[in-house]
Amino acid sequence: MKYHIRVRSPAKADVRLAVRRYEFQRFGLGREFVAEVDAVLNRVGENPFQYQVLYRDARRAIVHRFPYGVFYRVEARNIIVFCVIHLHQDPTIWQSRVPE
């Protein structure tokens, strides 16, 4: 069963910020980051329960090649992505965004 993925605006902003940072480091690296995030979202969409619950039903999938996590919650047949952040940031950032 394939789930419908909804990416919230703050998570989209997280990705845009990371893309700008990676493009500043090396041309094309931001595009590579987006491809890896898309790959994670596809894996999550196929089997969202393969990733463990971390906090209040929120799960995290790790982006390959980049130190980022995609934080999401499963609600019925929907996956709500609420945060995409660097894994060395303060965890209260993503915890504060967990939907009620």
PDB file of N, CA and C in Angstrom:
ATOM      1  N   MET A   1       0.844  -1.176   0.000  1.00  0.00           N
ATOM      2  CA  MET A   1       0.000   0.000   0.000  1.00  0.00           C
ATOM      3  C   MET A   1       0.892   1.242   0.000  1.00  0.00           C
ATOM      4  N   LYS A   2       0.654   2.118  -0.933  1.00  0.00           N
ATOM      5  CA  LYS A   2       1.393   3.376  -1.035  1.00  0.00           C
ATOM      6  C   LYS A   2       0.644   4.455  -0.256  1.00  0.00           C
ATOM      7  N   TYR A   3       1.377   5.210   0.531  1.00  0.00           N
ATOM      8  CA  TYR A   3       0.806   6.288   1.327  1.00  0.00           C
ATOM      9  C   TYR A   3       0.942   7.611   0.578  1.00  0.00           C
ATOM     10  N   HIS A   4       0.034   8.517   0.863  1.00  0.00           N
ATOM     11  CA  HIS A   4       0.090   9.865   0.303  1.00  0.00           C
ATOM     12  C   HIS A   4       0.995  10.712   1.196  1.00  0.00           C
ATOM     13  N   ILE A   5       1.987  11.361   0.596  1.00  0.00           N
ATOM     14  CA  ILE A   5       2.947  12.167   1.352  1.00  0.00           C
ATOM     15  C   ILE A   5       2.580  13.639   1.232  1.00  0.00           C
ATOM     16  N   ARG A   6       2.416  14.286   2.394  1.00  0.00           N
ATOM     17  CA  ARG A   6       2.158  15.726   2.460  1.00  0.00           C
ATOM     18  C   ARG A   6       3.328  16.375   3.184  1.00  0.00           C
ATOM     19  N   VAL A   7       4.002  17.278   2.502  1.00  0.00           N
ATOM     20  CA  VAL A   7       5.144  17.976   3.094  1.00  0.00           C
ATOM     21  C   VAL A   7       4.671  19.359   3.519  1.00  0.00           C
ATOM     22  N   ARG A   8       4.741  19.629   4.800  1.00  0.00           N
ATOM     23  CA  ARG A   8       4.309  20.928   5.332  1.00  0.00           C
ATOM     24  C   ARG A   8       5.276  22.034   4.927  1.00  0.00           C
ATOM     25  N   SER A   9       4.778  23.234   4.937  1.00  0.00           N
ATOM     26  CA  SER A   9       5.566  24.402   4.516  1.00  0.00           C
ATOM     27  C   SER A   9       6.891  24.557   5.273  1.00  0.00           C
ATOM     28  N   PRO A  10       6.922  24.386   6.605  1.00  0.00           N
ATOM     29  CA  PRO A  10       8.214  24.517   7.298  1.00  0.00           C
ATOM     30  C   PRO A  10       9.249  23.483   6.826  1.00  0.00           C
ATOM     31  N   ALA A  11       8.801  22.285   6.490  1.00  0.00           N
ATOM     32  CA  ALA A  11       9.724  21.260   5.992  1.00  0.00           C
ATOM     33  C   ALA A  11      10.243  21.641   4.607  1.00  0.00           C
ATOM     34  N   LYS A  12       9.376  22.208   3.771  1.00  0.00           N
ATOM     35  CA  LYS A  12       9.819  22.688   2.458  1.00  0.00           C
ATOM     36  C   LYS A  12      10.853  23.792   2.619  1.00  0.00           C
ATOM     37  N   ALA A  13      10.627  24.672   3.584  1.00  0.00           N
ATOM     38  CA  ALA A  13      11.586  25.751   3.849  1.00  0.00           C
ATOM     39  C   ALA A  13      12.913  25.179   4.331  1.00  0.00           C
ATOM     40  N   ASP A  14      12.863  24.121   5.151  1.00  0.00           N
ATOM     41  CA  ASP A  14      14.093  23.456   5.601  1.00  0.00           C
ATOM     42  C   ASP A  14      14.910  22.958   4.415  1.00  0.00           C
ATOM     43  N   VAL A  15      14.242  22.340   3.454  1.00  0.00           N
ATOM     44  CA  VAL A  15      14.924  21.796   2.279  1.00  0.00           C
ATOM     45  C   VAL A  15      15.516  22.930   1.443  1.00  0.00           C
ATOM     46  N   ARG A  16      14.746  23.987   1.228  1.00  0.00           N
ATOM     47  CA  ARG A  16      15.257  25.125   0.442  1.00  0.00           C
ATOM     48  C   ARG A  16      16.505  25.728   1.087  1.00  0.00           C
ATOM     49  N   LEU A  17      16.504  25.860   2.406  1.00  0.00           N
ATOM     50  CA  LEU A  17      17.664  26.400   3.116  1.00  0.00           C
ATOM     51  C   LEU A  17      18.875  25.490   2.947  1.00  0.00           C
ATOM     52  N   ALA A  18      18.673  24.196   3.089  1.00  0.00           N
ATOM     53  CA  ALA A  18      19.780  23.243   2.924  1.00  0.00           C
ATOM     54  C   ALA A  18      20.312  23.270   1.497  1.00  0.00           C
ATOM     55  N   VAL A  19      19.421  23.375   0.523  1.00  0.00           N
ATOM     56  CA  VAL A  19      19.852  23.440  -0.880  1.00  0.00           C
ATOM     57  C   VAL A  19      20.740  24.656  -1.101  1.00  0.00           C
ATOM     58  N   ARG A  20      20.327  25.798  -0.585  1.00  0.00           N
ATOM     59  CA  ARG A  20      21.148  27.015  -0.736  1.00  0.00           C
ATOM     60  C   ARG A  20      22.526  26.819  -0.109  1.00  0.00           C
ATOM     61  N   ARG A  21      22.566  26.224   1.069  1.00  0.00           N
ATOM     62  CA  ARG A  21      23.863  25.999   1.738  1.00  0.00           C
ATOM     63  C   ARG A  21      24.746  25.056   0.937  1.00  0.00           C
ATOM     64  N   TYR A  22      24.164  23.979   0.433  1.00  0.00           N
ATOM     65  CA  TYR A  22      24.959  23.015  -0.335  1.00  0.00           C
ATOM     66  C   TYR A  22      25.388  23.584  -1.681  1.00  0.00           C
ATOM     67  N   GLU A  23      24.534  24.370  -2.326  1.00  0.00           N
ATOM     68  CA  GLU A  23      24.920  24.988  -3.596  1.00  0.00           C
ATOM     69  C   GLU A  23      26.060  25.989  -3.394  1.00  0.00           C
ATOM     70  N   PHE A  24      26.090  26.639  -2.236  1.00  0.00           N
ATOM     71  CA  PHE A  24      27.177  27.561  -1.925  1.00  0.00           C
ATOM     72  C   PHE A  24      28.495  26.801  -1.793  1.00  0.00           C
ATOM     73  N   GLN A  25      28.414  25.584  -1.233  1.00  0.00           N
ATOM     74  CA  GLN A  25      29.616  24.765  -1.068  1.00  0.00           C
ATOM     75  C   GLN A  25      30.143  24.269  -2.409  1.00  0.00           C
ATOM     76  N   ARG A  26      29.214  23.771  -3.250  1.00  0.00           N
ATOM     77  CA  ARG A  26      29.618  23.247  -4.557  1.00  0.00           C
ATOM     78  C   ARG A  26      28.410  23.228  -5.476  1.00  0.00           C
ATOM     79  N   PHE A  27      28.584  23.765  -6.674  1.00  0.00           N
ATOM     80  CA  PHE A  27      27.507  23.794  -7.644  1.00  0.00           C
ATOM     81  C   PHE A  27      27.012  22.363  -7.921  1.00  0.00           C
ATOM     82  N   GLY A  28      25.708  22.165  -7.828  1.00  0.00           N
ATOM     83  CA  GLY A  28      25.112  20.853  -8.082  1.00  0.00           C
ATOM     84  C   GLY A  28      24.892  20.021  -6.834  1.00  0.00           C
ATOM     85  N   LEU A  29      25.547  20.378  -5.738  1.00  0.00           N
ATOM     86  CA  LEU A  29      25.397  19.601  -4.507  1.00  0.00           C
ATOM     87  C   LEU A  29      23.993  19.743  -3.933  1.00  0.00           C
ATOM     88  N   GLY A  30      23.391  20.896  -4.087  1.00  0.00           N
ATOM     89  CA  GLY A  30      22.011  21.096  -3.641  1.00  0.00           C
ATOM     90  C   GLY A  30      21.055  20.201  -4.385  1.00  0.00           C
ATOM     91  N   ARG A  31      21.272  20.045  -5.683  1.00  0.00           N
ATOM     92  CA  ARG A  31      20.442  19.160  -6.498  1.00  0.00           C
ATOM     93  C   ARG A  31      20.600  17.702  -6.048  1.00  0.00           C
ATOM     94  N   GLU A  32      21.831  17.326  -5.695  1.00  0.00           N
ATOM     95  CA  GLU A  32      22.077  15.974  -5.191  1.00  0.00           C
ATOM     96  C   GLU A  32      21.354  15.759  -3.859  1.00  0.00           C
ATOM     97  N   PHE A  33      21.352  16.781  -3.025  1.00  0.00           N
ATOM     98  CA  PHE A  33      20.639  16.696  -1.751  1.00  0.00           C
ATOM     99  C   PHE A  33      19.150  16.468  -1.981  1.00  0.00           C
ATOM    100  N   VAL A  34      18.556  17.224  -2.888  1.00  0.00           N
ATOM    101  CA  VAL A  34      17.128  17.070  -3.187  1.00  0.00           C
ATOM    102  C   VAL A  34      16.842  15.651  -3.694  1.00  0.00           C
ATOM    103  N   ALA A  35      17.720  15.108  -4.525  1.00  0.00           N
ATOM    104  CA  ALA A  35      17.525  13.747  -5.029  1.00  0.00           C
ATOM    105  C   ALA A  35      17.537  12.737  -3.894  1.00  0.00           C
ATOM    106  N   GLU A  36      18.409  12.937  -2.920  1.00  0.00           N
ATOM    107  CA  GLU A  36      18.469  12.018  -1.776  1.00  0.00           C
ATOM    108  C   GLU A  36      17.233  12.168  -0.885  1.00  0.00           C
ATOM    109  N   VAL A  37      16.765  13.393  -0.698  1.00  0.00           N
ATOM    110  CA  VAL A  37      15.540  13.599   0.082  1.00  0.00           C
ATOM    111  C   VAL A  37      14.361  12.937  -0.625  1.00  0.00           C
ATOM    112  N   ASP A  38      14.286  13.085  -1.940  1.00  0.00           N
ATOM    113  CA  ASP A  38      13.214  12.431  -2.705  1.00  0.00           C
ATOM    114  C   ASP A  38      13.278  10.911  -2.556  1.00  0.00           C
ATOM    115  N   ALA A  39      14.480  10.358  -2.561  1.00  0.00           N
ATOM    116  CA  ALA A  39      14.637   8.913  -2.394  1.00  0.00           C
ATOM    117  C   ALA A  39      14.141   8.468  -1.018  1.00  0.00           C
ATOM    118  N   VAL A  40      14.437   9.257   0.003  1.00  0.00           N
ATOM    119  CA  VAL A  40      13.956   8.938   1.355  1.00  0.00           C
ATOM    120  C   VAL A  40      12.427   8.993   1.392  1.00  0.00           C
ATOM    121  N   LEU A  41      11.863  10.023   0.781  1.00  0.00           N
ATOM    122  CA  LEU A  41      10.404  10.142   0.777  1.00  0.00           C
ATOM    123  C   LEU A  41       9.759   8.961   0.054  1.00  0.00           C
ATOM    124  N   ASN A  42      10.379   8.481  -1.011  1.00  0.00           N
ATOM    125  CA  ASN A  42       9.850   7.305  -1.703  1.00  0.00           C
ATOM    126  C   ASN A  42       9.895   6.074  -0.808  1.00  0.00           C
ATOM    127  N   ARG A  43      11.003   5.895  -0.080  1.00  0.00           N
ATOM    128  CA  ARG A  43      11.103   4.757   0.846  1.00  0.00           C
ATOM    129  C   ARG A  43      10.062   4.862   1.947  1.00  0.00           C
ATOM    130  N   VAL A  44       9.897   6.055   2.487  1.00  0.00           N
ATOM    131  CA  VAL A  44       8.902   6.272   3.540  1.00  0.00           C
ATOM    132  C   VAL A  44       7.500   6.002   2.997  1.00  0.00           C
ATOM    133  N   GLY A  45       7.235   6.445   1.779  1.00  0.00           N
ATOM    134  CA  GLY A  45       5.926   6.230   1.178  1.00  0.00           C
ATOM    135  C   GLY A  45       5.601   4.765   0.956  1.00  0.00           C
ATOM    136  N   GLU A  46       6.618   3.960   0.684  1.00  0.00           N
ATOM    137  CA  GLU A  46       6.416   2.527   0.483  1.00  0.00           C
ATOM    138  C   GLU A  46       6.198   1.787   1.800  1.00  0.00           C
ATOM    139  N   ASN A  47       6.947   2.178   2.830  1.00  0.00           N
ATOM    140  CA  ASN A  47       6.853   1.484   4.115  1.00  0.00           C
ATOM    141  C   ASN A  47       7.213   2.435   5.255  1.00  0.00           C
ATOM    142  N   PRO A  48       6.284   3.266   5.687  1.00  0.00           N
ATOM    143  CA  PRO A  48       6.600   4.266   6.712  1.00  0.00           C
ATOM    144  C   PRO A  48       6.899   3.674   8.089  1.00  0.00           C
ATOM    145  N   PHE A  49       6.482   2.452   8.317  1.00  0.00           N
ATOM    146  CA  PHE A  49       6.669   1.856   9.642  1.00  0.00           C
ATOM    147  C   PHE A  49       8.029   1.189   9.809  1.00  0.00           C
ATOM    148  N   GLN A  50       8.873   1.252   8.790  1.00  0.00           N
ATOM    149  CA  GLN A  50      10.212   0.683   8.913  1.00  0.00           C
ATOM    150  C   GLN A  50      11.117   1.535   9.800  1.00  0.00           C
ATOM    151  N   TYR A  51      10.698   2.778  10.061  1.00  0.00           N
ATOM    152  CA  TYR A  51      11.473   3.680  10.903  1.00  0.00           C
ATOM    153  C   TYR A  51      10.816   3.776  12.276  1.00  0.00           C
ATOM    154  N   GLN A  52      11.638   3.792  13.303  1.00  0.00           N
ATOM    155  CA  GLN A  52      11.100   3.745  14.666  1.00  0.00           C
ATOM    156  C   GLN A  52      10.495   5.076  15.109  1.00  0.00           C
ATOM    157  N   VAL A  53       9.583   4.970  16.048  1.00  0.00           N
ATOM    158  CA  VAL A  53       8.986   6.151  16.672  1.00  0.00           C
ATOM    159  C   VAL A  53      10.010   6.745  17.632  1.00  0.00           C
ATOM    160  N   LEU A  54      10.208   8.057  17.535  1.00  0.00           N
ATOM    161  CA  LEU A  54      11.159   8.736  18.411  1.00  0.00           C
ATOM    162  C   LEU A  54      10.484   9.544  19.509  1.00  0.00           C
ATOM    163  N   TYR A  55       9.364  10.184  19.160  1.00  0.00           N
ATOM    164  CA  TYR A  55       8.746  11.113  20.097  1.00  0.00           C
ATOM    165  C   TYR A  55       7.328  11.387  19.631  1.00  0.00           C
ATOM    166  N   ARG A  56       6.343  11.138  20.489  1.00  0.00           N
ATOM    167  CA  ARG A  56       4.934  11.442  20.200  1.00  0.00           C
ATOM    168  C   ARG A  56       4.509  10.976  18.799  1.00  0.00           C
ATOM    169  N   ASP A  57       4.754   9.727  18.479  1.00  0.00           N
ATOM    170  CA  ASP A  57       4.392   9.118  17.193  1.00  0.00           C
ATOM    171  C   ASP A  57       5.167   9.677  16.006  1.00  0.00           C
ATOM    172  N   ALA A  58       6.171  10.488  16.241  1.00  0.00           N
ATOM    173  CA  ALA A  58       6.996  11.015  15.153  1.00  0.00           C
ATOM    174  C   ALA A  58       8.115  10.027  14.846  1.00  0.00           C
ATOM    175  N   ARG A  59       8.391   9.874  13.567  1.00  0.00           N
ATOM    176  CA  ARG A  59       9.438   8.967  13.094  1.00  0.00           C
ATOM    177  C   ARG A  59      10.487   9.767  12.331  1.00  0.00           C
ATOM    178  N   ARG A  60      11.661   9.145  12.168  1.00  0.00           N
ATOM    179  CA  ARG A  60      12.741   9.811  11.442  1.00  0.00           C
ATOM    180  C   ARG A  60      13.365   8.852  10.447  1.00  0.00           C
ATOM    181  N   ALA A  61      13.515   9.333   9.216  1.00  0.00           N
ATOM    182  CA  ALA A  61      14.258   8.610   8.190  1.00  0.00           C
ATOM    183  C   ALA A  61      15.505   9.434   7.889  1.00  0.00           C
ATOM    184  N   ILE A  62      16.638   8.782   7.808  1.00  0.00           N
ATOM    185  CA  ILE A  62      17.904   9.484   7.598  1.00  0.00           C
ATOM    186  C   ILE A  62      18.202   9.565   6.103  1.00  0.00           C
ATOM    187  N   VAL A  63      18.634  10.750   5.674  1.00  0.00           N
ATOM    188  CA  VAL A  63      18.985  10.997   4.274  1.00  0.00           C
ATOM    189  C   VAL A  63      20.380  10.435   4.018  1.00  0.00           C
ATOM    190  N   HIS A  64      20.523   9.615   2.986  1.00  0.00           N
ATOM    191  CA  HIS A  64      21.837   9.066   2.624  1.00  0.00           C
ATOM    192  C   HIS A  64      22.758  10.178   2.136  1.00  0.00           C
ATOM    193  N   ARG A  65      24.038  10.049   2.459  1.00  0.00           N
ATOM    194  CA  ARG A  65      25.095  10.965   2.021  1.00  0.00           C
ATOM    195  C   ARG A  65      25.083  12.326   2.699  1.00  0.00           C
ATOM    196  N   PHE A  66      24.016  12.665   3.390  1.00  0.00           N
ATOM    197  CA  PHE A  66      23.904  13.974   4.024  1.00  0.00           C
ATOM    198  C   PHE A  66      23.427  13.782   5.460  1.00  0.00           C
ATOM    199  N   PRO A  67      23.934  14.596   6.400  1.00  0.00           N
ATOM    200  CA  PRO A  67      23.547  14.423   7.808  1.00  0.00           C
ATOM    201  C   PRO A  67      22.204  15.073   8.145  1.00  0.00           C
ATOM    202  N   TYR A  68      21.175  14.667   7.423  1.00  0.00           N
ATOM    203  CA  TYR A  68      19.834  15.216   7.607  1.00  0.00           C
ATOM    204  C   TYR A  68      18.845  14.113   7.924  1.00  0.00           C
ATOM    205  N   GLY A  69      17.818  14.485   8.668  1.00  0.00           N
ATOM    206  CA  GLY A  69      16.732  13.567   8.965  1.00  0.00           C
ATOM    207  C   GLY A  69      15.419  14.138   8.456  1.00  0.00           C
ATOM    208  N   VAL A  70      14.570  13.246   7.968  1.00  0.00           N
ATOM    209  CA  VAL A  70      13.219  13.604   7.550  1.00  0.00           C
ATOM    210  C   VAL A  70      12.298  13.128   8.662  1.00  0.00           C
ATOM    211  N   PHE A  71      11.627  14.045   9.319  1.00  0.00           N
ATOM    212  CA  PHE A  71      10.758  13.729  10.446  1.00  0.00           C
ATOM    213  C   PHE A  71       9.310  13.769   9.982  1.00  0.00           C
ATOM    214  N   TYR A  72       8.568  12.736  10.328  1.00  0.00           N
ATOM    215  CA  TYR A  72       7.199  12.614   9.824  1.00  0.00           C
ATOM    216  C   TYR A  72       6.329  11.853  10.806  1.00  0.00           C
ATOM    217  N   ARG A  73       5.044  11.914  10.532  1.00  0.00           N
ATOM    218  CA  ARG A  73       4.051  11.176  11.312  1.00  0.00           C
ATOM    219  C   ARG A  73       3.094  10.512  10.322  1.00  0.00           C
ATOM    220  N   VAL A  74       2.669   9.308  10.659  1.00  0.00           N
ATOM    221  CA  VAL A  74       1.702   8.581   9.840  1.00  0.00           C
ATOM    222  C   VAL A  74       0.316   8.838  10.406  1.00  0.00           C
ATOM    223  N   GLU A  75      -0.583   9.305   9.545  1.00  0.00           N
ATOM    224  CA  GLU A  75      -1.965   9.564   9.945  1.00  0.00           C
ATOM    225  C   GLU A  75      -2.873   8.893   8.916  1.00  0.00           C
ATOM    226  N   ALA A  76      -3.455   7.763   9.276  1.00  0.00           N
ATOM    227  CA  ALA A  76      -4.292   6.970   8.375  1.00  0.00           C
ATOM    228  C   ALA A  76      -3.460   6.579   7.158  1.00  0.00           C
ATOM    229  N   ARG A  77      -3.844   7.017   5.968  1.00  0.00           N
ATOM    230  CA  ARG A  77      -3.111   6.698   4.740  1.00  0.00           C
ATOM    231  C   ARG A  77      -2.210   7.847   4.286  1.00  0.00           C
ATOM    232  N   ASN A  78      -1.995   8.798   5.188  1.00  0.00           N
ATOM    233  CA  ASN A  78      -1.167   9.966   4.881  1.00  0.00           C
ATOM    234  C   ASN A  78       0.104   9.970   5.705  1.00  0.00           C
ATOM    235  N   ILE A  79       1.150  10.486   5.096  1.00  0.00           N
ATOM    236  CA  ILE A  79       2.403  10.734   5.796  1.00  0.00           C
ATOM    237  C   ILE A  79       2.579  12.242   5.824  1.00  0.00           C
ATOM    238  N   ILE A  80       2.703  12.787   7.017  1.00  0.00           N
ATOM    239  CA  ILE A  80       2.861  14.225   7.198  1.00  0.00           C
ATOM    240  C   ILE A  80       4.326  14.497   7.535  1.00  0.00           C
ATOM    241  N   VAL A  81       5.044  15.114   6.604  1.00  0.00           N
ATOM    242  CA  VAL A  81       6.447  15.481   6.825  1.00  0.00           C
ATOM    243  C   VAL A  81       6.439  16.882   7.409  1.00  0.00           C
ATOM    244  N   PHE A  82       6.956  17.017   8.619  1.00  0.00           N
ATOM    245  CA  PHE A  82       6.891  18.315   9.289  1.00  0.00           C
ATOM    246  C   PHE A  82       8.252  18.950   9.510  1.00  0.00           C
ATOM    247  N   CYS A  83       9.338  18.217   9.229  1.00  0.00           N
ATOM    248  CA  CYS A  83      10.655  18.783   9.484  1.00  0.00           C
ATOM    249  C   CYS A  83      11.717  18.012   8.693  1.00  0.00           C
ATOM    250  N   VAL A  84      12.663  18.739   8.117  1.00  0.00           N
ATOM    251  CA  VAL A  84      13.826  18.142   7.453  1.00  0.00           C
ATOM    252  C   VAL A  84      15.024  18.948   7.934  1.00  0.00           C
ATOM    253  N   ILE A  85      15.758  18.418   8.914  1.00  0.00           N
ATOM    254  CA  ILE A  85      16.837  19.217   9.515  1.00  0.00           C
ATOM    255  C   ILE A  85      18.128  18.425   9.653  1.00  0.00           C
ATOM    256  N   HIS A  86      19.188  19.199   9.812  1.00  0.00           N
ATOM    257  CA  HIS A  86      20.517  18.648  10.065  1.00  0.00           C
ATOM    258  C   HIS A  86      20.467  17.910  11.400  1.00  0.00           C
ATOM    259  N   LEU A  87      21.049  16.741  11.443  1.00  0.00           N
ATOM    260  CA  LEU A  87      20.925  15.896  12.637  1.00  0.00           C
ATOM    261  C   LEU A  87      21.768  16.370  13.823  1.00  0.00           C
ATOM    262  N   HIS A  88      22.641  17.345  13.601  1.00  0.00           N
ATOM    263  CA  HIS A  88      23.429  17.863  14.723  1.00  0.00           C
ATOM    264  C   HIS A  88      22.783  19.079  15.369  1.00  0.00           C
ATOM    265  N   GLN A  89      21.602  19.462  14.894  1.00  0.00           N
ATOM    266  CA  GLN A  89      20.888  20.575  15.510  1.00  0.00           C
ATOM    267  C   GLN A  89      20.192  20.110  16.781  1.00  0.00           C
ATOM    268  N   ASP A  90      19.807  21.054  17.561  1.00  0.00           N
ATOM    269  CA  ASP A  90      19.090  20.795  18.808  1.00  0.00           C
ATOM    270  C   ASP A  90      17.801  20.018  18.507  1.00  0.00           C
ATOM    271  N   PRO A  91      17.583  18.855  19.128  1.00  0.00           N
ATOM    272  CA  PRO A  91      16.388  18.059  18.837  1.00  0.00           C
ATOM    273  C   PRO A  91      15.082  18.731  19.230  1.00  0.00           C
ATOM    274  N   THR A  92      15.147  19.745  20.063  1.00  0.00           N
ATOM    275  CA  THR A  92      13.891  20.418  20.418  1.00  0.00           C
ATOM    276  C   THR A  92      13.306  21.165  19.216  1.00  0.00           C
ATOM    277  N   ILE A  93      14.118  21.406  18.187  1.00  0.00           N
ATOM    278  CA  ILE A  93      13.610  22.070  16.978  1.00  0.00           C
ATOM    279  C   ILE A  93      12.546  21.206  16.329  1.00  0.00           C
ATOM    280  N   TRP A  94      12.878  19.942  16.056  1.00  0.00           N
ATOM    281  CA  TRP A  94      11.881  19.097  15.393  1.00  0.00           C
ATOM    282  C   TRP A  94      10.787  18.666  16.365  1.00  0.00           C
ATOM    283  N   GLN A  95      11.129  18.497  17.635  1.00  0.00           N
ATOM    284  CA  GLN A  95      10.115  18.088  18.609  1.00  0.00           C
ATOM    285  C   GLN A  95       9.028  19.153  18.758  1.00  0.00           C
ATOM    286  N   SER A  96       9.418  20.408  18.641  1.00  0.00           N
ATOM    287  CA  SER A  96       8.428  21.484  18.760  1.00  0.00           C
ATOM    288  C   SER A  96       7.494  21.543  17.553  1.00  0.00           C
ATOM    289  N   ARG A  97       7.870  20.902  16.462  1.00  0.00           N
ATOM    290  CA  ARG A  97       7.039  20.917  15.253  1.00  0.00           C
ATOM    291  C   ARG A  97       6.124  19.687  15.112  1.00  0.00           C
ATOM    292  N   VAL A  98       6.246  18.736  16.016  1.00  0.00           N
ATOM    293  CA  VAL A  98       5.399  17.538  15.918  1.00  0.00           C
ATOM    294  C   VAL A  98       3.942  17.956  15.993  1.00  0.00           C
ATOM    295  N   PRO A  99       3.145  17.564  14.983  1.00  0.00           N
ATOM    296  CA  PRO A  99       1.719  17.943  15.018  1.00  0.00           C
ATOM    297  C   PRO A  99       0.998  17.342  16.210  1.00  0.00           C
ATOM    298  N   GLU A 100       0.021  18.038  16.700  1.00  0.00           N
ATOM    299  CA  GLU A 100      -0.783  17.543  17.844  1.00  0.00           C
ATOM    300  C   GLU A 100      -1.680  16.424  17.425  1.00  0.00           C
TER     301      GLU A 100
END
